[in-house]
Protein backbone atom coordinates (compact mmCIF):
# COMPACT_ATOMS: atom_id res chain seq x y z
CA MET A 1 -16.07 -10.44 -3.99
CA ILE A 2 -13.49 -7.33 -3.75
CA ILE A 3 -11.03 -6.18 -1.75
CA GLY A 4 -10.13 -2.95 -1.80
CA LEU A 5 -6.70 -1.72 -1.03
CA VAL A 6 -6.55 1.61 0.79
CA GLY A 7 -4.23 3.70 2.53
CA LYS A 8 -2.28 7.29 2.40
CA THR A 9 -0.37 7.65 -1.08
CA ASN A 10 2.48 6.15 -1.19
CA THR A 11 2.83 3.90 1.99
CA GLY A 12 3.13 0.85 -0.02
CA LYS A 13 0.04 -0.04 -1.44
CA SER A 14 1.23 -0.83 -5.31
CA SER A 15 3.70 -2.92 -3.89
CA PHE A 16 1.08 -5.15 -1.87
CA PHE A 17 -0.97 -5.28 -4.61
CA LYS A 18 2.12 -6.74 -6.98
CA ALA A 19 2.89 -9.01 -4.05
CA ALA A 20 -0.37 -10.36 -4.45
CA THR A 21 -0.94 -10.59 -7.71
CA MET A 22 2.79 -10.96 -9.47
CA ILE A 23 1.31 -8.01 -11.89
CA ASP A 24 3.82 -5.15 -12.85
CA VAL A 25 2.41 -2.12 -11.66
CA GLU A 26 4.50 1.08 -11.14
CA ILE A 27 6.12 1.14 -7.78
CA ALA A 28 7.82 4.28 -6.97
CA ASN A 29 8.79 6.30 -4.01
CA ARG A 30 6.76 9.83 -4.93
CA THR A 31 2.95 10.41 -4.12
CA PHE A 32 0.26 9.58 -6.59
CA VAL A 33 1.47 6.43 -8.13
CA THR A 34 -1.69 4.97 -8.76
CA ILE A 35 -4.28 7.19 -10.65
CA LYS A 36 -6.46 4.73 -11.71
CA PRO A 37 -7.54 1.84 -9.60
CA ASN A 38 -4.78 -1.35 -10.83
CA VAL A 39 -7.06 -4.22 -10.90
CA GLY A 40 -5.36 -7.80 -10.54
CA ILE A 41 -6.48 -11.08 -9.20
CA ALA A 42 -5.29 -12.66 -5.46
CA TYR A 43 -5.85 -15.51 -3.84
CA VAL A 44 -6.94 -17.10 -0.30
CA ILE A 45 -5.58 -20.30 0.75
CA THR A 46 -7.57 -23.28 2.61
CA ASP A 47 -7.32 -26.77 2.74
CA CYS A 48 -8.81 -28.77 0.17
CA VAL A 49 -11.20 -31.60 0.63
CA CYS A 50 -9.79 -33.76 -1.70
CA LYS A 51 -7.22 -34.54 1.08
CA GLU A 52 -10.19 -35.48 3.33
CA PHE A 53 -11.42 -37.51 0.90
CA SER A 54 -8.31 -39.02 -1.00
CA VAL A 55 -8.64 -38.00 -4.15
CA ASP A 56 -7.19 -36.11 -6.78
CA CYS A 57 -9.33 -32.99 -7.66
CA ASN A 58 -9.09 -31.12 -11.29
CA PRO A 59 -9.97 -27.81 -10.28
CA LYS A 60 -11.67 -25.06 -13.10
CA ASN A 61 -12.39 -22.38 -11.45
CA SER A 62 -9.42 -22.17 -9.01
CA LEU A 63 -5.37 -24.30 -8.29
CA CYS A 64 -4.71 -27.17 -5.95
CA LYS A 65 -1.26 -27.42 -4.57
CA ASN A 66 0.06 -29.67 -2.28
CA LYS A 67 -3.76 -29.70 -1.26
CA LYS A 68 -4.15 -26.44 -0.84
CA ARG A 69 -7.19 -24.44 -2.48
CA TYR A 70 -6.28 -21.31 -4.18
CA ILE A 71 -9.31 -19.75 -4.51
CA PRO A 72 -9.16 -16.19 -6.84
CA VAL A 73 -10.64 -12.85 -5.09
CA LYS A 74 -10.71 -9.41 -7.51
CA LEU A 75 -8.15 -6.90 -5.57
CA LEU A 76 -8.52 -3.41 -6.42
CA ASP A 77 -5.43 -1.05 -5.91
CA ILE A 78 -7.15 2.27 -4.96
CA ALA A 79 -5.96 5.89 -5.41
CA GLY A 80 -3.55 6.93 -2.46
CA LEU A 81 -5.72 8.98 0.44
CA VAL A 82 -5.08 12.57 2.16
CA PRO A 83 -6.65 14.09 5.10
CA ASP A 84 -10.08 16.17 3.94
CA ALA A 85 -10.58 13.98 1.12
CA HIS A 86 -14.14 13.56 1.46
CA LEU A 87 -14.29 17.53 0.20
CA GLY A 88 -12.40 16.07 -2.84
CA ARG A 89 -8.72 17.20 -1.41
CA GLY A 90 -6.14 15.58 -3.53
CA LEU A 91 -7.69 12.51 -5.68
CA GLY A 92 -10.31 12.06 -2.94
CA ASN A 93 -13.70 11.81 -4.65
CA LYS A 94 -11.81 9.48 -7.00
CA PHE A 95 -10.65 7.23 -4.17
CA LEU A 96 -13.98 7.44 -2.23
CA ASP A 97 -16.15 6.43 -5.20
CA ASP A 98 -13.60 3.66 -6.08
CA ILE A 99 -14.39 2.07 -2.97
CA ARG A 100 -17.92 1.72 -3.26
CA GLN A 101 -17.19 -1.91 -5.72
CA ALA A 102 -15.01 -3.31 -2.28
CA SER A 103 -16.73 -5.63 -0.07
CA VAL A 104 -13.53 -5.31 2.43
CA LEU A 105 -10.84 -3.37 2.27
CA ILE A 106 -7.01 -3.65 3.77
CA HIS A 107 -5.59 -0.54 4.62
CA ILE A 108 -1.49 -0.96 4.04
CA VAL A 109 0.51 1.45 6.60
CA ASP A 110 4.07 2.11 6.35
CA PHE A 111 4.90 1.53 9.73
CA SER A 112 8.71 3.09 9.33
CA GLY A 113 7.22 6.67 10.21
CA LEU A 114 9.51 7.31 7.45
CA THR A 115 6.47 9.25 5.56
CA ASP A 116 4.03 11.79 6.26
CA GLN A 117 0.18 12.35 5.71
CA GLU A 118 0.65 13.46 2.88
CA GLY A 119 2.91 10.41 1.98
CA LYS A 120 6.20 12.89 1.71
CA PRO A 121 9.26 11.74 3.31
CA THR A 122 10.04 12.36 7.15
CA ASP A 123 11.45 10.91 10.07
CA GLY A 124 9.61 9.74 13.34
CA TYR A 125 6.16 10.50 12.53
CA ASN A 126 3.57 8.11 14.30
CA PRO A 127 1.80 5.91 12.39
CA GLU A 128 -1.24 5.31 14.46
CA ASN A 129 -2.29 9.14 12.89
CA ASP A 130 -2.91 7.31 9.38
CA ILE A 131 -5.01 4.37 10.82
CA GLU A 132 -7.13 7.08 12.18
CA PHE A 133 -7.32 9.33 9.50
CA VAL A 134 -8.18 7.23 6.81
CA GLU A 135 -10.84 5.48 8.45
CA LYS A 136 -11.89 9.28 9.13
CA GLU A 137 -12.13 9.65 5.66
CA ILE A 138 -13.87 7.22 5.10
CA ASP A 139 -16.48 7.63 7.09
CA LEU A 140 -17.19 10.91 6.69
CA TRP A 141 -17.46 10.34 3.13
CA PHE A 142 -20.19 7.68 3.95
CA ALA A 143 -21.95 10.11 6.14
CA ASP A 144 -22.04 12.75 3.18
CA VAL A 145 -23.75 9.61 1.07
CA ILE A 146 -26.17 8.55 3.71
CA GLY A 147 -26.93 12.74 4.72
CA ARG A 148 -28.10 12.83 1.51
CA ALA A 149 -30.24 9.69 0.95
CA LEU A 150 -31.95 10.32 4.07
CA GLN A 151 -32.81 14.03 2.49
CA LYS A 152 -34.83 12.58 -0.45
CA ILE A 153 -36.69 10.26 2.49
CA LYS A 154 -39.94 12.49 2.61
CA LYS A 155 -42.34 10.70 5.62
CA ILE A 156 -41.00 7.01 6.98
CA THR A 157 -43.87 4.94 9.02
CA SER A 158 -41.92 2.25 9.95
CA LYS A 159 -38.36 0.32 10.93
CA SER A 160 -39.12 -1.89 8.25
CA GLU A 161 -40.05 1.04 5.64
CA LEU A 162 -36.61 3.23 6.63
CA VAL A 163 -34.42 -0.17 5.88
CA GLN A 164 -35.90 -0.82 2.62
CA VAL A 165 -35.59 2.67 1.52
CA LEU A 166 -32.05 3.17 3.09
CA SER A 167 -30.89 -0.13 1.45
CA GLU A 168 -32.28 1.22 -1.89
CA GLN A 169 -30.65 4.64 -1.62
CA LEU A 170 -27.40 3.38 -0.89
CA SER A 171 -27.32 -0.19 -2.50
CA GLY A 172 -24.70 1.77 -4.61
CA LEU A 173 -22.26 1.23 -1.83
CA GLU A 174 -23.16 -2.07 -1.75
CA ILE A 175 -24.69 -1.89 1.64
CA THR A 176 -27.18 -4.43 2.19
CA LYS A 177 -31.02 -3.87 4.54
CA GLN A 178 -28.67 -6.55 7.03
CA HIS A 179 -26.44 -4.27 6.93
CA ILE A 180 -28.57 -0.62 8.01
CA GLU A 181 -30.62 -3.44 10.22
CA GLN A 182 -27.70 -3.83 12.09
CA ALA A 183 -26.49 -0.29 12.30
CA LEU A 184 -29.74 0.55 13.54
CA GLU A 185 -29.40 -1.85 16.75
CA SER A 186 -27.06 0.22 17.98
CA ALA A 187 -26.44 4.19 16.64
CA SER A 188 -30.06 6.37 15.79
CA ILE A 189 -30.36 7.22 12.31
CA THR A 190 -30.65 11.54 13.86
CA ASP A 191 -27.07 11.10 14.56
CA VAL A 192 -25.83 10.33 11.09
CA THR A 193 -22.01 10.78 11.31
CA LYS A 194 -22.41 7.70 13.80
CA PHE A 195 -24.93 5.90 11.86
CA ALA A 196 -22.46 6.37 9.05
CA SER A 197 -19.25 4.98 11.01
CA VAL A 198 -21.21 1.39 12.44
CA ILE A 199 -22.59 1.30 8.97
CA ARG A 200 -19.14 1.75 7.16
CA LYS A 201 -17.53 -1.19 9.88
CA ASN A 202 -20.84 -3.32 8.95
CA SER A 203 -20.41 -2.93 4.95
CA LYS A 204 -16.48 -2.38 4.41
CA PRO A 205 -14.70 -3.66 7.52
CA ILE A 206 -11.04 -2.97 7.79
CA ILE A 207 -7.91 -4.71 8.28
CA ILE A 208 -3.98 -3.28 8.91
CA ALA A 209 -1.42 -4.04 6.77
CA ALA A 210 1.51 -2.36 8.97
CA ASN A 211 3.78 -2.62 6.16
CA LYS A 212 7.24 -2.34 5.75
CA ILE A 213 7.81 -4.62 9.22
CA ASP A 214 11.18 -5.41 8.12
CA LEU A 215 12.58 -1.79 9.03
CA LYS A 216 13.93 -1.57 12.85
CA SER A 217 11.23 1.59 13.50
CA SER A 218 8.30 -0.33 11.97
CA ASN A 219 8.96 -2.73 14.37
CA GLU A 220 9.21 -0.79 17.11
CA ASN A 221 5.52 0.91 15.84
CA PHE A 222 4.30 -2.60 15.34
CA GLU A 223 4.72 -3.25 19.01
CA LYS A 224 3.53 -0.21 20.79
CA LEU A 225 0.20 -0.49 18.74
CA LYS A 226 -0.59 -4.91 18.35
CA GLU A 227 -2.37 -4.76 21.46
CA LYS A 228 -4.59 -1.25 20.66
CA TYR A 229 -5.69 -2.75 17.39
CA LYS A 230 -6.58 -6.32 16.44
CA ASN A 231 -7.07 -6.58 13.18
CA LEU A 232 -3.25 -5.30 12.52
CA ILE A 233 -1.20 -7.61 10.82
CA PRO A 234 2.79 -7.28 10.38
CA THR A 235 3.37 -6.91 6.36
CA SER A 236 6.46 -6.80 4.19
CA ALA A 237 5.19 -6.81 0.38
CA GLU A 238 8.69 -6.38 -0.45
CA ALA A 239 9.94 -9.47 0.66
CA GLU A 240 6.64 -11.33 -0.77
CA ILE A 241 8.30 -10.06 -4.15
CA THR A 242 11.59 -11.27 -3.67
CA MET A 243 10.45 -14.88 -2.36
CA LYS A 244 7.86 -15.15 -5.26
CA LYS A 245 10.55 -13.94 -7.69
CA ALA A 246 12.96 -16.78 -6.43
CA ALA A 247 10.32 -19.44 -6.67
CA GLU A 248 9.76 -18.39 -10.29
CA LYS A 249 13.05 -18.66 -11.12
CA GLY A 250 13.47 -22.16 -9.72
CA PHE A 251 15.93 -20.48 -6.64
CA ILE A 252 13.05 -21.78 -3.69
CA GLU A 253 10.19 -23.83 -2.98
CA TYR A 254 7.79 -21.47 -1.63
CA LEU A 255 3.65 -21.63 -1.09
CA PRO A 256 2.81 -17.98 0.18
CA GLY A 257 1.75 -18.02 3.52
CA ASN A 258 4.40 -20.52 4.41
CA GLY A 259 8.10 -20.95 4.39
CA PHE A 260 10.55 -21.72 1.97
CA THR A 261 13.34 -24.13 0.91
CA ILE A 262 16.11 -23.30 -1.40
CA ILE A 263 16.20 -25.54 -4.17
CA GLY A 264 18.68 -23.75 -6.64
CA ASN A 265 22.11 -22.72 -6.86
CA LEU A 266 22.32 -19.04 -5.10
CA ASP A 267 25.49 -16.30 -5.19
CA GLU A 268 26.23 -15.47 -1.64
CA LYS A 269 24.37 -11.96 -2.12
CA GLN A 270 20.87 -14.02 -2.75
CA LYS A 271 21.98 -16.67 0.35
CA GLN A 272 22.26 -13.24 2.70
CA ALA A 273 19.14 -11.43 1.62
CA LEU A 274 16.73 -14.63 1.78
CA GLU A 275 18.80 -15.31 5.04
CA PHE A 276 17.31 -11.93 6.23
CA ILE A 277 13.76 -12.60 5.18
CA LYS A 278 13.99 -15.84 6.88
CA ASN A 279 15.34 -14.67 10.24
CA SER A 280 13.30 -10.99 10.50
CA ILE A 281 10.41 -11.83 8.97
CA ILE A 282 9.46 -15.18 8.11
CA GLU A 283 10.35 -16.53 11.34
CA LYS A 284 9.47 -13.69 13.43
CA TYR A 285 6.13 -13.49 12.10
CA GLN A 286 4.77 -16.81 10.85
CA GLY A 287 4.92 -15.11 7.06
CA THR A 288 5.16 -11.68 5.11
CA GLY A 289 1.61 -11.25 6.21
CA VAL A 290 0.58 -10.42 2.62
CA GLN A 291 -1.71 -13.70 2.53
CA LYS A 292 -2.48 -13.67 5.93
CA CYS A 293 -4.19 -10.07 5.23
CA LEU A 294 -5.94 -11.71 1.94
CA ASN A 295 -7.26 -14.69 4.06
CA ASP A 296 -8.12 -12.59 7.43
CA ALA A 297 -10.02 -10.17 5.17
CA VAL A 298 -12.19 -13.00 3.56
CA PHE A 299 -12.59 -15.55 6.07
CA GLN A 300 -12.10 -13.70 9.38
CA LEU A 301 -14.03 -10.01 8.96
CA LEU A 302 -16.09 -11.46 6.12
CA ASN A 303 -16.86 -14.61 7.41
CA TYR A 304 -16.80 -16.35 4.05
CA ILE A 305 -17.10 -20.45 3.84
CA ALA A 306 -15.45 -22.54 1.14
CA VAL A 307 -18.19 -24.67 -0.76
CA TYR A 308 -17.79 -26.99 -3.54
CA PRO A 309 -20.84 -28.39 -5.85
CA VAL A 310 -20.85 -31.44 -7.59
CA ALA A 311 -23.21 -32.93 -10.16
CA ASP A 312 -22.31 -36.52 -8.61
CA VAL A 313 -21.74 -37.14 -4.69
CA ASN A 314 -20.61 -40.50 -5.02
CA LYS A 315 -17.48 -39.83 -7.37
CA LEU A 316 -17.40 -35.58 -6.57
CA SER A 317 -17.00 -34.62 -9.70
CA ASP A 318 -19.26 -32.11 -12.92
CA LYS A 319 -20.38 -34.12 -15.81
CA SER A 320 -17.97 -34.39 -17.51
CA GLY A 321 -15.97 -36.53 -14.26
CA ASN A 322 -13.84 -33.55 -13.26
CA VAL A 323 -13.39 -34.36 -9.58
CA LEU A 324 -14.01 -31.26 -7.12
CA PRO A 325 -13.94 -28.82 -10.17
CA ASP A 326 -15.23 -25.75 -8.64
CA VAL A 327 -14.99 -23.77 -5.25
CA PHE A 328 -17.22 -20.86 -4.41
CA LEU A 329 -16.63 -18.58 -1.51
CA ILE A 330 -20.17 -17.65 -0.01
CA PRO A 331 -21.31 -15.95 3.47
CA GLU A 332 -21.37 -18.36 6.59
CA GLY A 333 -25.46 -18.64 7.09
CA THR A 334 -26.07 -19.28 3.06
CA THR A 335 -28.77 -21.63 2.05
CA VAL A 336 -28.62 -24.21 -0.09
CA LYS A 337 -30.99 -22.58 -2.68
CA GLU A 338 -28.82 -19.73 -2.32
CA PHE A 339 -25.92 -21.32 -3.20
CA ALA A 340 -28.09 -22.80 -6.56
CA ALA A 341 -28.44 -18.98 -7.12
CA LYS A 342 -24.98 -18.54 -7.14
CA VAL A 343 -23.84 -21.64 -9.23
CA HIS A 344 -26.32 -20.67 -12.10
CA THR A 345 -29.74 -19.31 -12.11
CA GLN A 346 -31.80 -22.24 -13.44
CA LEU A 347 -30.40 -24.26 -10.60
CA ALA A 348 -32.72 -22.05 -8.22
CA GLU A 349 -35.71 -21.96 -10.51
CA LYS A 350 -35.52 -25.51 -10.76
CA PHE A 351 -34.58 -26.16 -7.40
CA ILE A 352 -35.65 -29.82 -5.61
CA ALA A 353 -33.25 -30.12 -3.05
CA GLY A 354 -29.47 -30.23 -2.28
CA ILE A 355 -27.61 -33.46 -1.14
CA ASP A 356 -24.70 -33.90 1.59
CA ALA A 357 -21.33 -35.73 -0.26
CA ARG A 358 -20.75 -36.87 2.99
CA THR A 359 -23.56 -38.28 5.11
CA LYS A 360 -25.41 -38.43 1.53
CA ARG A 361 -28.85 -37.36 3.08
CA LYS A 362 -31.26 -34.51 1.34
CA LEU A 363 -30.79 -30.82 2.05
CA ALA A 364 -33.46 -28.72 2.38
CA ALA A 365 -34.02 -25.30 0.46
CA ASP A 366 -33.62 -23.43 3.78
CA HIS A 367 -30.50 -25.69 5.03
CA GLN A 368 -27.26 -23.73 5.64
CA LEU A 369 -24.37 -24.80 4.57
CA LYS A 370 -21.08 -25.08 6.18
CA ASN A 371 -17.11 -24.54 5.52
CA ASN A 372 -15.99 -27.48 2.50
CA ASP A 373 -19.34 -28.29 2.37
CA ILE A 374 -19.58 -30.58 -0.69
CA VAL A 375 -23.32 -30.45 -2.22
CA GLU A 376 -24.95 -31.74 -5.42
CA ILE A 377 -27.83 -29.92 -6.46
CA VAL A 378 -31.08 -31.57 -7.56
CA PHE A 379 -33.17 -30.01 -9.72
CA ALA A 380 -36.16 -30.78 -12.42
CA LYS A 381 -34.89 -31.28 -15.79
């Protein structure tokens, strides 16, 4: 799974990327700081099942801290967008091509109103303009790609054939048959623009990060727009970076998405900075928003669930005795056999059944898994 960070140039995308991954990237108050996409690993966080079973786990493909499981996801910081990017303006073609890989997008918006559509300094700019133009640019690019795909289709005799051919033509955009079928329920293929917009919303849903929420103008703009946009999350990437750096130096205890506790010796300036973050961001918005953006993108927009494969449901371990070593993020509705294929192709090829760790019951191949399921895959040796 890949989460793409999108938005106009100079809005704080690179800061958000650094806040989520703590990878040093160039951050500057100028346009087109990011040319090639930065790639890193961030984490979505969920309750670990080790707490329910009262065991100490030995994670291999993830982390566990204070009974919270940190599951890695790939994060892509994509070059900034400008109006008419779908026509090749700015770094448009590069930007739009980079988002092909993403399953979900986080749109970083400068809610302070201090940068215009070009990412240049201004005052009193309406951030809603950015929300609208970025989505419009992506939709228009989708329409162009889909329009060209339709031109290659000479004759279609049925809906199923249309879905099959389109899914083949659009596979490079990570568009599935299900996305196309859903779009055809509410839009006609003859209206390419509308059809493309529906497919984009289904295949690349968007979280809107109202960034720089620590500024007064950002707060005012957020209050005006929070009812209109349901996926709008108040965010301060700079505050997240500050707290993670303070935690690294041993000044505070901090787990992303939560508050913090001072444990080290701070000078007065450091105390004031953390106090400001606590009062104006953490307590007001229940966090900096960075972790919430990541979690909501995966668990709310994509409807992914966490499932733990084990070799022994009685010991909750792998063959080496590691307890709850792995966890996988999979789409809601994934069957046991589909999950087996994700863990290892041979498990699916030689699949016999699954075993549920809680009930010890056998699970059929078509049994749909639930969040926090622990399952052993039984296969032919």
